[in-house]
């Protein structure tokens, strides 16, 4: 119903992916192309992460992120680029556990990405690397592969997913060197104050854990080299630097709610992050409720085509 072409890829080892692209007649070879790699959160399949309409008896995971619908909304606004979305899932539905099983995961992650790009017949595509929750582990593994971030990557998006920011692994230095290489590059981090959130009477994060503290660690590191401006947008405390190449947003969470998935789906987090600093981002404030992509939600989940099941 959205004039798309879909392809499933099984990648070694233990990685599944779905490529969602515009129909062939909608791809313009004269336009630049962008591939967004989105790594799934812990506990969600690629189909659930992409999302579909909720109905009685359907698993609630299908109605919390809606990455496919948010991506379609972005495509409807973005006439500049051919946009291709790739959603990646690790066996066991946990990228941290997948990485623990494979000590050479940084190399394997680069191999996975290269295999995906080889399967997409568009040359010189720019790369956006995005994630939610435990999907951040995929991005940290990518960063750990080499001292320099490849030039093909021009945007990183962490949606409540930056738990493992590490000075030991020189993540700050790598980001700073990469950002200074081009004014078109962006680092977007979305988090919330999770320090005092309770679930069944217990705090959901440890005294040193959570994305609030991880974002503060990122800020402390970046402030050694960058000057930040601070502002407030609704319930979000916002920190920007390098003429808005770096944007870190922390929901102040005054009611101490669990906002881990709300940041992504209900508050249009993915849509906000991919459009920040672009012409589409100037068409209206997209961060916050209500959902801006309802008309783009598909009625049924993605399913592997029968021709691919038998091949």
Protein backbone atom coordinates (compact mmCIF):
# COMPACT_ATOMS: atom_id res chain seq x y z
CA UNK A 1 0.00 0.00 0.00
CA UNK A 2 3.02 2.29 0.30
CA UNK A 3 4.62 1.35 -3.05
CA UNK A 4 7.68 -0.21 -1.46
CA UNK A 5 10.02 -3.05 -2.29
CA UNK A 6 11.02 -5.35 0.57
CA UNK A 7 13.91 -7.78 0.89
CA UNK A 8 14.98 -10.03 3.75
CA UNK A 9 18.67 -10.82 4.24
CA UNK A 10 20.19 -13.43 6.52
CA UNK A 11 23.72 -12.35 7.32
CA UNK A 12 26.51 -14.21 9.05
CA UNK A 13 26.53 -14.92 11.84
CA UNK A 14 23.10 -14.90 13.42
CA UNK A 15 21.85 -11.59 11.95
CA UNK A 16 18.53 -10.97 10.20
CA UNK A 17 17.62 -7.82 8.32
CA UNK A 18 14.81 -6.27 6.30
CA UNK A 19 15.53 -3.74 3.56
CA UNK A 20 12.62 -1.36 2.94
CA UNK A 21 13.06 0.78 -0.17
CA UNK A 22 10.82 2.86 -2.43
CA UNK A 23 9.36 1.09 -5.42
CA UNK A 24 11.70 1.06 -8.45
CA UNK A 25 9.80 3.82 -10.26
CA UNK A 26 10.17 6.06 -7.20
CA UNK A 27 13.98 5.85 -7.14
CA UNK A 28 15.63 8.69 -9.01
CA UNK A 29 19.22 7.84 -10.07
CA UNK A 30 19.99 11.55 -10.32
CA UNK A 31 19.30 12.11 -6.61
CA UNK A 32 21.69 11.29 -3.79
CA UNK A 33 20.82 8.19 -1.78
CA UNK A 34 20.82 7.50 1.94
CA UNK A 35 20.77 4.17 3.75
CA UNK A 36 19.58 4.17 7.36
CA UNK A 37 20.73 1.18 9.41
CA UNK A 38 18.53 0.77 12.48
CA UNK A 39 19.55 -1.83 15.08
CA UNK A 40 16.71 -3.30 17.11
CA UNK A 41 16.25 -2.88 20.86
CA UNK A 42 16.52 -5.84 23.22
CA UNK A 43 13.47 -8.06 23.05
CA UNK A 44 12.06 -6.86 19.72
CA UNK A 45 12.19 -8.48 16.30
CA UNK A 46 12.79 -6.51 13.13
CA UNK A 47 9.09 -6.86 12.29
CA UNK A 48 8.05 -5.50 15.68
CA UNK A 49 10.54 -2.65 15.49
CA UNK A 50 9.22 -1.59 12.08
CA UNK A 51 5.69 -1.80 13.48
CA UNK A 52 2.10 -2.12 12.32
CA UNK A 53 -1.39 -1.27 13.50
CA UNK A 54 -2.45 -2.61 16.87
CA UNK A 55 -5.33 -5.04 17.12
CA UNK A 56 -6.72 -7.44 19.70
CA UNK A 57 -4.40 -10.36 20.34
CA UNK A 58 -1.39 -8.81 18.60
CA UNK A 59 1.87 -8.50 20.51
CA UNK A 60 2.22 -5.00 21.99
CA UNK A 61 5.77 -4.69 20.64
CA UNK A 62 4.32 -3.95 17.18
CA UNK A 63 2.84 -0.67 18.41
CA UNK A 64 5.66 1.05 20.31
CA UNK A 65 8.35 2.22 17.87
CA UNK A 66 6.91 2.36 14.36
CA UNK A 67 10.24 2.97 12.67
CA UNK A 68 8.80 2.11 9.24
CA UNK A 69 5.91 4.57 9.58
CA UNK A 70 8.17 7.34 10.87
CA UNK A 71 10.55 6.64 7.99
CA UNK A 72 7.69 6.88 5.47
CA UNK A 73 6.65 10.20 6.95
CA UNK A 74 10.22 11.43 6.48
CA UNK A 75 10.26 10.16 2.89
CA UNK A 76 7.03 12.06 2.17
CA UNK A 77 8.78 15.27 3.29
CA UNK A 78 12.18 14.52 1.77
CA UNK A 79 12.27 14.94 -1.99
CA UNK A 80 16.05 15.40 -1.98
CA UNK A 81 17.15 11.82 -1.44
CA UNK A 82 16.35 8.19 -2.16
CA UNK A 83 15.81 6.80 1.34
CA UNK A 84 16.40 3.14 2.15
CA UNK A 85 15.70 1.75 5.61
CA UNK A 86 17.43 -1.39 6.87
CA UNK A 87 16.39 -2.91 10.21
CA UNK A 88 18.86 -5.32 11.85
CA UNK A 89 18.19 -8.01 14.45
CA UNK A 90 20.62 -10.23 16.35
CA UNK A 91 19.79 -13.84 17.17
CA UNK A 92 18.40 -13.95 20.70
CA UNK A 93 17.02 -10.40 20.30
CA UNK A 94 19.97 -8.83 22.09
CA UNK A 95 22.91 -7.09 20.47
CA UNK A 96 24.88 -7.01 23.75
CA UNK A 97 24.60 -10.81 24.07
CA UNK A 98 25.45 -11.26 20.38
CA UNK A 99 28.60 -9.20 20.83
CA UNK A 100 29.54 -11.18 23.94
CA UNK A 101 29.32 -14.41 21.90
CA UNK A 102 31.59 -12.96 19.23
CA UNK A 103 34.73 -11.26 20.59
CA UNK A 104 35.59 -10.20 17.03
CA UNK A 105 32.24 -8.40 16.75
CA UNK A 106 33.67 -5.07 15.48
CA UNK A 107 34.99 -6.83 12.40
CA UNK A 108 31.78 -8.82 11.99
CA UNK A 109 29.65 -5.68 12.24
CA UNK A 110 31.60 -4.01 9.44
CA UNK A 111 31.16 -7.19 7.36
CA UNK A 112 27.41 -7.13 7.99
CA UNK A 113 27.19 -3.50 6.87
CA UNK A 114 29.28 -4.13 3.75
CA UNK A 115 27.04 -7.08 2.82
CA UNK A 116 23.94 -4.90 3.13
CA UNK A 117 25.41 -2.14 0.99
CA UNK A 118 26.42 -4.68 -1.66
CA UNK A 119 22.79 -5.86 -1.78
CA UNK A 120 21.53 -2.32 -2.44
CA UNK A 121 22.26 -1.32 -6.06
CA UNK A 122 22.79 2.37 -5.32
CA UNK A 123 26.28 3.80 -5.45
CA UNK A 124 27.88 6.13 -2.92
CA UNK A 125 24.98 6.15 -0.48
CA UNK A 126 25.40 8.21 2.67
CA UNK A 127 24.95 6.21 5.86
CA UNK A 128 22.87 7.03 8.93
CA UNK A 129 23.46 4.69 11.88
CA UNK A 130 20.53 4.66 14.30
CA UNK A 131 19.46 2.55 17.25
CA UNK A 132 17.20 2.18 20.25
CA UNK A 133 17.99 0.66 23.65
CA UNK A 134 20.30 -2.39 23.39
CA UNK A 135 20.63 -1.67 19.67
CA UNK A 136 23.22 0.89 20.73
CA UNK A 137 25.60 -2.02 21.27
CA UNK A 138 25.73 -2.52 17.50
CA UNK A 139 26.86 1.09 17.02
CA UNK A 140 29.48 0.88 19.75
CA UNK A 141 30.82 -2.28 18.14
CA UNK A 142 31.01 -0.40 14.85
CA UNK A 143 32.96 2.40 16.51
CA UNK A 144 35.36 -0.04 18.16
CA UNK A 145 36.51 -1.42 14.80
CA UNK A 146 38.94 1.39 13.92
CA UNK A 147 40.42 4.67 15.08
CA UNK A 148 38.53 6.64 12.43
CA UNK A 149 34.85 6.65 11.51
CA UNK A 150 34.34 6.07 7.75
CA UNK A 151 33.48 9.19 5.75
CA UNK A 152 30.39 7.46 4.34
CA UNK A 153 28.69 7.83 7.74
CA UNK A 154 27.27 11.32 8.24
CA UNK A 155 24.79 10.84 11.11
CA UNK A 156 24.65 8.86 14.35
CA UNK A 157 21.38 8.55 16.28
CA UNK A 158 21.13 7.12 19.79
CA UNK A 159 17.52 6.83 20.99
CA UNK A 160 17.86 6.09 24.71
CA UNK A 161 20.72 3.82 23.68
CA UNK A 162 24.03 5.43 24.67
CA UNK A 163 24.64 3.34 27.81
CA UNK A 164 28.08 2.14 26.74
CA UNK A 165 29.75 5.43 25.85
CA UNK A 166 33.35 4.79 26.91
CA UNK A 167 36.43 6.94 27.22
CA UNK A 168 38.48 3.76 27.51
CA UNK A 169 37.44 2.93 23.93
CA UNK A 170 38.05 6.57 22.87
CA UNK A 171 34.48 7.05 21.68
CA UNK A 172 34.63 10.77 22.43
CA UNK A 173 37.82 11.30 20.45
CA UNK A 174 36.46 9.34 17.49
CA UNK A 175 33.24 11.35 17.41
CA UNK A 176 35.07 14.67 17.68
CA UNK A 177 37.51 13.88 14.88
CA UNK A 178 34.65 12.69 12.68
CA UNK A 179 32.45 15.73 13.38
CA UNK A 180 35.24 18.15 12.57
CA UNK A 181 35.74 16.46 9.19
CA UNK A 182 32.53 17.91 7.71
CA UNK A 183 29.90 20.41 8.77
CA UNK A 184 27.24 18.08 7.32
CA UNK A 185 27.79 15.44 10.02
CA UNK A 186 25.42 15.10 12.96
CA UNK A 187 25.37 13.33 16.31
CA UNK A 188 21.90 13.19 17.91
CA UNK A 189 21.29 11.70 21.36
CA UNK A 190 17.86 11.39 22.96
CA UNK A 191 17.61 10.30 26.61
CA UNK A 192 15.56 10.90 29.75
CA UNK A 193 16.17 11.30 33.46
CA UNK A 194 15.86 7.68 34.55
CA UNK A 195 17.72 7.99 37.85
CA UNK A 196 14.67 7.78 40.13
CA UNK A 197 12.23 5.80 38.00
CA UNK A 198 10.68 2.85 39.83
CA UNK A 199 9.25 -0.41 38.51
CA UNK A 200 7.51 -2.61 41.08
CA UNK A 201 9.07 -0.52 43.81
CA UNK A 202 12.66 -0.81 42.60
CA UNK A 203 14.78 1.61 40.60
CA UNK A 204 15.09 0.59 36.96
CA UNK A 205 18.76 1.61 36.70
CA UNK A 206 21.76 1.10 38.95
CA UNK A 207 23.46 3.99 40.81
CA UNK A 208 25.85 4.38 37.86
CA UNK A 209 23.66 3.14 34.99
CA UNK A 210 21.05 4.55 32.64
CA UNK A 211 21.14 6.92 29.70
CA UNK A 212 20.89 10.08 31.82
CA UNK A 213 24.28 9.35 33.36
CA UNK A 214 25.68 8.15 30.01
CA UNK A 215 24.62 11.44 28.41
CA UNK A 216 26.29 13.36 31.22
CA UNK A 217 29.49 11.39 30.57
CA UNK A 218 29.28 12.33 26.90
CA UNK A 219 28.76 15.97 27.81
CA UNK A 220 31.69 15.97 30.24
CA UNK A 221 33.96 14.54 27.55
CA UNK A 222 32.79 16.82 24.74
CA UNK A 223 33.02 19.92 26.93
CA UNK A 224 36.77 19.40 27.08
CA UNK A 225 36.87 20.42 23.41
CA UNK A 226 33.55 22.06 22.58
CA UNK A 227 31.48 24.96 23.85
CA UNK A 228 27.85 24.01 24.41
CA UNK A 229 24.71 26.11 24.37
CA UNK A 230 21.87 25.05 26.67
CA UNK A 231 18.16 25.61 26.14
CA UNK A 232 14.79 24.13 27.06
CA UNK A 233 12.31 22.73 24.54
CA UNK A 234 9.17 21.66 26.38
CA UNK A 235 10.25 18.98 28.85
CA UNK A 236 13.61 18.55 27.15
CA UNK A 237 16.90 20.05 28.28
CA UNK A 238 18.92 20.55 25.11
CA UNK A 239 22.68 20.83 24.64
CA UNK A 240 24.13 21.87 21.28
CA UNK A 241 27.64 22.44 19.95
CA UNK A 242 29.57 22.87 16.69
CA UNK A 243 26.81 24.98 15.15
CA UNK A 244 24.27 22.27 15.99
CA UNK A 245 26.26 19.34 14.63
CA UNK A 246 25.99 17.88 18.13
CA UNK A 247 22.58 17.81 19.79
CA UNK A 248 21.93 16.01 23.07
CA UNK A 249 18.40 16.12 24.50
CA UNK A 250 17.39 14.90 27.95
CA UNK A 251 13.72 14.69 28.92
CA UNK A 252 13.55 16.00 32.49
CA UNK A 253 10.83 13.46 33.32
CA UNK A 254 9.22 15.40 36.18
CA UNK A 255 6.69 12.61 36.81
CA UNK A 256 9.37 9.86 36.95
CA UNK A 257 7.73 7.76 34.26
CA UNK A 258 9.37 5.03 32.20
CA UNK A 259 9.87 6.85 28.90
CA UNK A 260 12.21 4.34 27.29
CA UNK A 261 9.92 3.51 24.35
CA UNK A 262 7.74 6.63 24.48
CA UNK A 263 10.74 8.71 23.42
CA UNK A 264 10.96 6.73 20.20
CA UNK A 265 7.36 6.16 19.12
CA UNK A 266 4.91 8.37 20.97
CA UNK A 267 7.24 11.38 20.85
CA UNK A 268 8.39 10.88 17.24
CA UNK A 269 11.97 10.38 18.37
CA UNK A 270 13.23 8.67 15.22
CA UNK A 271 11.55 11.20 12.94
CA UNK A 272 13.00 14.09 14.94
CA UNK A 273 16.50 12.65 14.92
CA UNK A 274 16.71 11.89 11.18
CA UNK A 275 15.36 15.31 10.20
CA UNK A 276 17.25 17.49 12.67
CA UNK A 277 19.40 19.98 10.75
CA UNK A 278 17.72 19.20 7.41
CA UNK A 279 15.17 21.16 5.36
CA UNK A 280 12.49 18.67 6.49
CA UNK A 281 13.24 19.42 10.13
CA UNK A 282 12.36 23.06 9.54
CA UNK A 283 8.82 22.22 8.45
CA UNK A 284 7.58 21.91 12.02
CA UNK A 285 8.47 20.79 15.51
CA UNK A 286 8.36 17.01 15.42
CA UNK A 287 9.59 16.10 18.91
CA UNK A 288 6.81 15.30 21.35
CA UNK A 289 3.28 13.95 21.21
CA UNK A 290 1.04 13.24 19.37
CA UNK A 291 2.32 10.79 16.75
CA UNK A 292 3.03 12.58 13.48
CA UNK A 293 3.05 9.45 11.33
CA UNK A 294 -0.29 7.70 11.97
CA UNK A 295 -1.34 7.62 8.32
CA UNK A 296 1.87 5.79 7.45
CA UNK A 297 1.35 2.79 9.77
CA UNK A 298 0.81 -0.43 7.84
CA UNK A 299 -2.14 -2.68 8.81
CA UNK A 300 -0.19 -5.96 9.05
CA UNK A 301 3.38 -6.89 10.05
CA UNK A 302 6.10 -7.42 7.52
CA UNK A 303 6.42 -11.04 6.41
CA UNK A 304 9.20 -12.73 4.50
CA UNK A 305 8.05 -13.18 0.87
CA UNK A 306 7.34 -16.78 -0.11
CA UNK A 307 9.88 -16.55 -2.95
CA UNK A 308 12.60 -15.68 -0.44
CA UNK A 309 11.50 -18.38 2.04
CA UNK A 310 12.07 -21.07 -0.57
CA UNK A 311 15.30 -19.69 -1.99
